[in-house]
Protein backbone atom coordinates (compact mmCIF):
# COMPACT_ATOMS: atom_id res chain seq x y z
CA UNK A 1 -6.40 62.01 95.30
CA UNK A 2 -3.77 60.02 97.20
CA UNK A 3 -4.42 56.57 98.41
CA UNK A 4 -2.87 54.94 101.41
CA UNK A 5 -0.28 52.44 100.53
CA UNK A 6 -1.44 48.91 101.03
CA UNK A 7 0.47 46.56 103.63
CA UNK A 8 -0.32 43.04 102.30
CA UNK A 9 1.72 41.18 104.69
CA UNK A 10 0.36 40.93 108.27
CA UNK A 11 2.91 41.31 111.07
CA UNK A 12 3.19 38.57 113.61
CA UNK A 13 4.93 39.42 116.89
CA UNK A 14 5.78 36.96 119.49
CA UNK A 15 5.87 38.54 122.88
CA UNK A 16 3.67 40.97 124.63
CA UNK A 17 6.41 42.83 126.58
CA UNK A 18 6.67 46.80 126.17
CA UNK A 19 8.64 46.39 122.76
CA UNK A 20 6.31 44.06 121.14
CA UNK A 21 3.26 46.17 122.31
CA UNK A 22 4.91 49.43 121.05
CA UNK A 23 5.47 47.84 117.69
CA UNK A 24 1.76 46.62 117.37
CA UNK A 25 0.55 50.05 118.53
CA UNK A 26 2.62 52.08 116.19
CA UNK A 27 1.75 49.82 113.16
CA UNK A 28 -1.99 50.24 114.28
CA UNK A 29 -1.65 54.01 114.24
CA UNK A 30 -0.38 53.69 110.66
CA UNK A 31 -3.09 51.29 109.69
CA UNK A 32 -0.87 48.08 109.47
CA UNK A 33 -2.46 44.96 110.98
CA UNK A 34 -0.40 43.02 113.57
CA UNK A 35 -0.98 40.11 115.84
CA UNK A 36 0.91 39.46 119.12
CA UNK A 37 1.23 36.06 120.42
CA UNK A 38 1.88 35.76 124.25
CA UNK A 39 2.67 32.83 126.30
CA UNK A 40 0.82 34.45 129.53
CA UNK A 41 -2.82 33.25 129.87
CA UNK A 42 -3.84 36.89 130.46
CA UNK A 43 -2.37 40.21 131.16
CA UNK A 44 -2.67 39.53 135.07
CA UNK A 45 -0.91 36.12 134.87
CA UNK A 46 2.15 37.37 136.50
CA UNK A 47 3.57 40.76 138.03
CA UNK A 48 5.19 42.98 135.59
CA UNK A 49 8.47 44.15 137.50
CA UNK A 50 9.11 47.30 139.11
CA UNK A 51 9.60 51.02 138.40
CA UNK A 52 11.28 52.19 135.10
CA UNK A 53 12.73 55.57 134.23
CA UNK A 54 11.74 56.44 130.83
CA UNK A 55 14.14 58.46 128.79
CA UNK A 56 13.31 61.35 126.34
CA UNK A 57 15.59 60.11 123.48
CA UNK A 58 14.17 56.64 123.18
CA UNK A 59 11.25 55.56 125.57
CA UNK A 60 9.33 58.71 125.54
CA UNK A 61 10.14 59.16 121.87
CA UNK A 62 8.68 55.63 121.26
CA UNK A 63 5.59 56.52 123.41
CA UNK A 64 5.16 59.80 121.26
CA UNK A 65 5.24 57.76 118.11
CA UNK A 66 2.55 55.46 119.60
CA UNK A 67 0.45 58.62 120.38
CA UNK A 68 0.43 57.83 124.08
CA UNK A 69 2.26 60.76 125.56
CA UNK A 70 -0.82 62.07 127.61
CA UNK A 71 -1.49 58.66 128.84
CA UNK A 72 2.15 58.25 129.91
CA UNK A 73 2.36 61.53 131.63
CA UNK A 74 -0.74 60.34 133.64
CA UNK A 75 0.94 57.36 135.31
CA UNK A 76 4.15 59.11 136.19
CA UNK A 77 5.23 58.66 139.75
CA UNK A 78 5.98 62.15 140.86
CA UNK A 79 9.17 62.77 142.96
CA UNK A 80 10.62 59.35 142.14
CA UNK A 81 13.75 60.70 140.33
CA UNK A 82 15.31 61.47 143.61
CA UNK A 83 18.53 59.62 144.03
CA UNK A 84 20.66 58.76 147.37
CA UNK A 85 23.94 56.83 147.68
CA UNK A 86 24.67 55.52 151.43
CA UNK A 87 27.78 53.62 152.74
CA UNK A 88 26.87 50.26 154.67
CA UNK A 89 26.25 52.31 157.76
CA UNK A 90 23.44 54.22 155.88
CA UNK A 91 25.60 57.45 155.87
CA UNK A 92 24.80 59.58 152.96
CA UNK A 93 27.64 59.84 150.31
CA UNK A 94 25.45 61.47 147.55
CA UNK A 95 22.01 63.04 147.35
CA UNK A 96 20.16 64.47 144.53
CA UNK A 97 16.47 65.83 145.10
CA UNK A 98 13.69 65.57 142.49
CA UNK A 99 13.05 69.16 141.87
CA UNK A 100 11.06 68.46 138.69
CA UNK A 101 13.71 69.59 136.31
CA UNK A 102 14.92 66.05 135.43
CA UNK A 103 13.71 64.31 132.20
CA UNK A 104 13.55 60.75 133.17
CA UNK A 105 10.01 60.37 134.86
CA UNK A 106 9.65 57.11 136.67
CA UNK A 107 6.44 54.75 136.06
CA UNK A 108 5.55 51.22 136.84
CA UNK A 109 6.11 48.77 134.13
CA UNK A 110 2.63 47.17 134.79
CA UNK A 111 1.12 50.71 134.34
CA UNK A 112 3.09 51.27 131.18
CA UNK A 113 2.02 47.84 129.84
CA UNK A 114 -1.61 48.60 130.57
CA UNK A 115 -1.82 51.74 128.57
CA UNK A 116 -0.32 50.07 125.64
CA UNK A 117 -2.61 47.05 125.82
CA UNK A 118 -5.61 49.41 126.23
CA UNK A 119 -4.49 51.25 123.11
CA UNK A 120 -4.54 48.17 120.71
CA UNK A 121 -7.74 46.83 119.07
CA UNK A 122 -9.48 43.88 120.88
CA UNK A 123 -8.02 40.65 119.76
CA UNK A 124 -4.63 41.94 118.79
CA UNK A 125 -2.98 40.16 121.62
CA UNK A 126 -3.53 36.30 121.56
CA UNK A 127 -3.04 35.25 125.27
CA UNK A 128 -2.27 31.61 126.21
CA UNK A 129 -0.09 30.90 122.91
CA UNK A 130 3.18 29.51 124.00
CA UNK A 131 5.34 28.99 121.02
CA UNK A 132 6.75 25.45 120.83
CA UNK A 133 8.37 25.34 117.47
CA UNK A 134 9.21 27.77 114.49
CA UNK A 135 9.74 26.17 110.99
CA UNK A 136 11.01 28.11 108.07
CA UNK A 137 9.14 27.94 104.86
CA UNK A 138 9.93 29.28 101.38
CA UNK A 139 9.52 32.98 100.39
CA UNK A 140 10.51 34.26 103.62
CA UNK A 141 7.51 32.84 105.50
CA UNK A 142 7.53 31.04 108.83
CA UNK A 143 5.18 28.76 110.59
CA UNK A 144 4.67 29.01 114.36
CA UNK A 145 3.29 26.15 116.42
CA UNK A 146 1.76 26.63 119.87
CA UNK A 147 1.31 24.54 122.90
CA UNK A 148 -2.41 24.28 122.29
CA UNK A 149 -1.81 22.58 119.04
CA UNK A 150 -2.69 25.54 116.72
CA UNK A 151 -0.24 26.85 114.14
CA UNK A 152 -0.06 30.22 112.26
CA UNK A 153 1.86 31.15 109.26
CA UNK A 154 3.39 34.71 108.51
CA UNK A 155 5.37 36.57 106.20
CA UNK A 156 6.99 38.93 108.67
CA UNK A 157 7.88 37.47 112.23
CA UNK A 158 9.37 39.50 114.90
CA UNK A 159 10.82 38.05 118.02
CA UNK A 160 9.96 40.39 120.98
CA UNK A 161 10.03 37.44 123.39
CA UNK A 162 13.03 38.22 125.69
CA UNK A 163 16.07 36.93 127.00
CA UNK A 164 15.12 33.27 126.12
CA UNK A 165 13.71 33.93 122.77
CA UNK A 166 12.29 31.04 120.78
CA UNK A 167 12.80 33.20 117.76
CA UNK A 168 16.27 34.12 117.94
CA UNK A 169 17.73 30.62 116.85
CA UNK A 170 16.36 31.39 113.42
CA UNK A 171 18.94 34.23 113.02
CA UNK A 172 21.62 33.52 115.52
CA UNK A 173 23.55 30.74 117.45
CA UNK A 174 24.00 33.33 120.38
CA UNK A 175 22.67 32.29 123.85
CA UNK A 176 22.64 34.37 126.96
CA UNK A 177 25.66 33.88 129.38
CA UNK A 178 25.45 34.35 133.29
CA UNK A 179 27.44 37.60 134.02
CA UNK A 180 28.48 36.46 137.51
CA UNK A 181 26.00 38.75 139.09
CA UNK A 182 22.57 37.97 140.57
CA UNK A 183 19.90 40.36 141.91
CA UNK A 184 17.60 39.22 144.74
CA UNK A 185 14.30 40.92 144.61
CA UNK A 186 12.33 41.72 147.73
CA UNK A 187 9.56 44.09 148.79
CA UNK A 188 8.40 46.08 151.85
CA UNK A 189 4.79 47.52 152.20
CA UNK A 190 3.18 50.28 154.01
CA UNK A 191 6.76 51.29 154.64
CA UNK A 192 6.13 54.63 156.38
CA UNK A 193 4.08 53.14 159.15
CA UNK A 194 5.89 49.77 159.36
CA UNK A 195 9.52 50.70 158.45
CA UNK A 196 10.00 54.32 158.96
CA UNK A 197 13.79 53.94 159.54
CA UNK A 198 14.13 52.16 156.47
CA UNK A 199 11.58 54.49 154.49
CA UNK A 200 13.73 57.41 155.52
CA UNK A 201 17.02 55.80 154.39
CA UNK A 202 15.70 55.11 151.00
CA UNK A 203 14.05 58.40 150.60
CA UNK A 204 11.47 59.40 147.93
CA UNK A 205 13.17 57.93 144.99
CA UNK A 206 16.06 55.47 144.51
CA UNK A 207 18.66 54.56 147.10
CA UNK A 208 22.03 52.71 146.40
CA UNK A 209 24.16 51.19 149.23
CA UNK A 210 27.02 49.58 147.19
CA UNK A 211 30.40 48.01 147.90
CA UNK A 212 32.89 45.81 145.64
CA UNK A 213 31.13 42.53 144.96
CA UNK A 214 27.91 43.37 146.86
CA UNK A 215 25.13 46.07 147.38
CA UNK A 216 21.56 47.07 148.00
CA UNK A 217 19.39 49.11 145.70
CA UNK A 218 15.79 50.00 146.37
CA UNK A 219 13.23 52.09 144.68
CA UNK A 220 10.26 53.91 146.47
CA UNK A 221 7.16 53.02 144.29
CA UNK A 222 3.73 54.51 144.42
CA UNK A 223 1.38 53.01 147.08
CA UNK A 224 3.92 53.29 149.82
CA UNK A 225 6.17 50.30 148.55
CA UNK A 226 9.97 49.75 148.68
CA UNK A 227 11.01 47.49 145.82
CA UNK A 228 14.51 46.26 146.59
CA UNK A 229 17.16 44.44 144.35
CA UNK A 230 20.12 42.91 146.57
CA UNK A 231 23.08 42.58 144.31
CA UNK A 232 25.72 39.79 144.80
CA UNK A 233 28.62 38.93 142.59
CA UNK A 234 28.56 35.19 143.20
CA UNK A 235 28.93 32.09 140.98
CA UNK A 236 25.71 30.39 139.86
CA UNK A 237 26.47 27.42 141.93
CA UNK A 238 26.26 29.75 145.10
CA UNK A 239 22.61 30.58 144.24
CA UNK A 240 21.92 27.01 143.31
CA UNK A 241 22.67 25.94 146.79
CA UNK A 242 20.06 28.29 148.11
CA UNK A 243 16.54 27.02 148.64
CA UNK A 244 14.39 30.04 147.46
CA UNK A 245 11.26 27.99 148.05
CA UNK A 246 12.01 28.24 151.75
CA UNK A 247 11.56 31.93 152.26
CA UNK A 248 13.04 32.14 155.89
CA UNK A 249 16.16 30.02 154.99
CA UNK A 250 16.79 32.07 151.70
CA UNK A 251 16.46 35.47 153.51
CA UNK A 252 18.73 34.45 156.13
CA UNK A 253 21.32 33.39 153.63
CA UNK A 254 21.18 36.54 151.76
CA UNK A 255 21.18 38.69 154.80
CA UNK A 256 24.25 36.92 156.24
CA UNK A 257 26.35 38.53 153.29
CA UNK A 258 25.55 41.91 154.69
CA UNK A 259 26.41 41.19 158.53
CA UNK A 260 27.49 44.42 160.06
CA UNK A 261 25.47 46.85 157.81
CA UNK A 262 22.95 49.26 159.11
CA UNK A 263 19.69 47.51 160.33
CA UNK A 264 17.79 49.91 158.29
CA UNK A 265 19.45 48.81 155.28
CA UNK A 266 19.32 45.06 155.99
CA UNK A 267 15.51 45.38 156.91
CA UNK A 268 15.27 45.71 153.07
CA UNK A 269 16.28 42.01 152.87
CA UNK A 270 14.69 40.79 156.22
CA UNK A 271 11.60 42.84 156.59
CA UNK A 272 9.42 41.64 153.78
CA UNK A 273 6.34 39.31 153.94
CA UNK A 274 7.01 37.78 150.51
CA UNK A 275 9.77 35.20 149.47
CA UNK A 276 12.90 36.70 148.03
CA UNK A 277 13.32 35.96 144.23
CA UNK A 278 16.72 35.32 142.68
CA UNK A 279 17.19 37.24 139.43
CA UNK A 280 20.41 35.87 137.73
CA UNK A 281 21.80 38.61 135.28
CA UNK A 282 22.41 37.23 131.68
CA UNK A 283 23.89 38.97 128.63
CA UNK A 284 24.22 38.20 125.12
CA UNK A 285 27.66 38.61 123.54
CA UNK A 286 29.07 42.08 122.89
CA UNK A 287 28.44 42.94 119.20
CA UNK A 288 25.53 40.49 118.78
CA UNK A 289 24.25 40.58 115.31
CA UNK A 290 23.15 38.43 112.49
CA UNK A 291 23.07 38.02 108.82
CA UNK A 292 19.78 39.12 107.03
CA UNK A 293 17.35 36.24 107.21
CA UNK A 294 14.19 36.56 105.08
CA UNK A 295 10.99 37.54 106.99
CA UNK A 296 12.24 37.63 110.59
CA UNK A 297 13.87 39.85 113.06
CA UNK A 298 14.27 40.63 116.66
CA UNK A 299 13.71 43.51 119.10
CA UNK A 300 14.53 44.37 122.76
CA UNK A 301 16.21 41.62 125.02
CA UNK A 302 15.82 38.89 122.29
CA UNK A 303 18.01 41.15 120.13
CA UNK A 304 20.47 42.68 122.64
CA UNK A 305 20.16 41.44 126.11
CA UNK A 306 22.44 43.17 128.47
CA UNK A 307 22.75 43.83 132.29
CA UNK A 308 20.17 46.38 133.80
CA UNK A 309 21.30 49.94 133.41
CA UNK A 310 17.97 51.71 133.15
CA UNK A 311 18.20 51.46 129.31
CA UNK A 312 16.66 48.00 128.54
CA UNK A 313 12.91 48.87 128.43
CA UNK A 314 13.58 52.22 126.64
CA UNK A 315 15.58 50.34 124.11
CA UNK A 316 12.91 47.77 123.61
CA UNK A 317 10.21 50.36 123.04
CA UNK A 318 12.39 52.48 120.66
CA UNK A 319 13.23 49.09 118.94
CA UNK A 320 9.52 48.65 118.43
CA UNK A 321 8.81 52.08 117.05
CA UNK A 322 11.68 52.03 114.91
CA UNK A 323 10.87 48.90 113.28
CA UNK A 324 7.25 50.04 112.98
CA UNK A 325 8.36 53.16 111.01
CA UNK A 326 10.55 51.00 108.72
CA UNK A 327 7.77 48.73 107.81
CA UNK A 328 5.56 51.67 107.08
CA UNK A 329 8.26 53.45 105.06
CA UNK A 330 8.69 50.13 102.96
CA UNK A 331 5.11 49.12 101.90
CA UNK A 332 5.01 45.78 100.62
CA UNK A 333 8.93 45.38 100.85
CA UNK A 334 9.57 43.28 103.78
CA UNK A 335 13.30 42.88 103.26
CA UNK A 336 13.76 46.59 102.62
CA UNK A 337 12.31 47.26 105.89
CA UNK A 338 14.04 44.77 107.98
CA UNK A 339 17.30 45.73 106.31
CA UNK A 340 16.86 49.51 107.22
CA UNK A 341 15.78 48.59 110.71
CA UNK A 342 18.72 46.26 111.31
CA UNK A 343 21.10 48.84 109.86
CA UNK A 344 20.24 51.18 112.82
CA UNK A 345 19.74 48.51 115.29
CA UNK A 346 23.11 47.09 115.56
CA UNK A 347 25.21 50.00 116.14
CA UNK A 348 22.58 51.65 118.53
CA UNK A 349 22.67 48.14 120.61
CA UNK A 350 26.41 48.04 120.51
CA UNK A 351 26.68 51.49 122.36
CA UNK A 352 24.19 50.85 125.06
CA UNK A 353 25.74 47.33 125.57
CA UNK A 354 29.02 48.82 126.49
CA UNK A 355 27.32 51.37 128.65
CA UNK A 356 25.19 48.63 130.62
CA UNK A 357 28.29 46.63 131.47
CA UNK A 358 30.11 49.74 132.52
CA UNK A 359 27.33 50.54 134.87
CA UNK A 360 27.38 47.16 136.49
CA UNK A 361 31.14 47.60 137.12
CA UNK A 362 30.47 50.98 138.53
CA UNK A 363 27.77 49.55 140.85
CA UNK A 364 29.75 46.41 142.09
CA UNK A 365 33.39 46.50 140.59
CA UNK A 366 36.52 47.68 142.54
CA UNK A 367 35.54 51.46 142.52
CA UNK A 368 32.08 51.01 144.08
CA UNK A 369 30.33 53.22 145.03
CA UNK A 370 32.49 56.10 144.12
CA UNK A 371 32.56 55.43 140.41
CA UNK A 372 28.76 55.40 140.25
CA UNK A 373 28.71 58.67 142.47
CA UNK A 374 31.04 60.29 139.76
CA UNK A 375 28.62 59.22 137.00
CA UNK A 376 25.86 60.82 139.05
CA UNK A 377 27.89 64.05 139.46
CA UNK A 378 28.62 64.08 135.92
CA UNK A 379 24.80 64.34 135.00
CA UNK A 380 24.07 60.98 133.73
CA UNK A 381 22.17 58.56 136.18
CA UNK A 382 21.34 54.89 136.05
CA UNK A 383 18.91 52.49 137.28
CA UNK A 384 19.85 49.16 138.83
């Protein structure tokens, strides 16, 4: 009779984002204990961002490894794969309907996180545990210190804690660098009744209105919501001078950059009830990697932060699933597992990094919007 291999080293994950949760879930499926430490006080402590297109080869593969394909299908926003590209006067340049044959279904990040959280045993995620320090011990072990004064020691530490990872400095001196582009996030609600012209301009899925150096991208989300990312290539100092605590003033400043654009497009900036939020786009250096450090690794943005291109969440989930597989395949051999995982992680990340920077250039560089439209007609697609 075969016995199940034992996994004496519990896995400690910092960060309850999609990548960290997929890692914990796939490990749980294989009977490997893991604990996730998250700074947020609860799952509802903050909003979880907008809509994501989940790709067959990575995001959907990761959810399949997690045994959550059925739950994933239940949260798909049907019809949301439609794409429109407009000029600044809202004239169509490109349009593709969602005919049900595309393979990148859209879901809300919050819904995806919820099904992952619901799939984990109670107590797997320790909320309200903000990491304040990490100390290397002998034998590949590490001690985490938290803001509440508690500590924990682990033999396998995973940094799944995003762009400003507290775990990354154990492995790398790299820090995120501002790309020169900031997205300003806005929302419109009850759009068909309250903003019909804008709702029509956006359509049923994603709308891009892009020019060199600036643009507007909007997604129609479930619940009659338009979620917009106003994209501006400007120095960080330009945004530092905008008082985003004064919603009216910030809105007026951003809207002024689109003077002369069609009102149904500028309404995506000016028509919202909530304050605009600036999201500076940062990136780690190209080819970011590290030498093997015993007992610790990274996944997702902590490992390969890059501009948004529709791949970030998918890659984070795939990283989590692949790391879990490596741990399962190397019972009792942490270094063997991390070596195998990183050997695939680095080249995979490099390829997507180049694609992400290319997509940002297609959206806002000299060829905008026609470079992006050419990419669409070639059958690729992207998410801003």
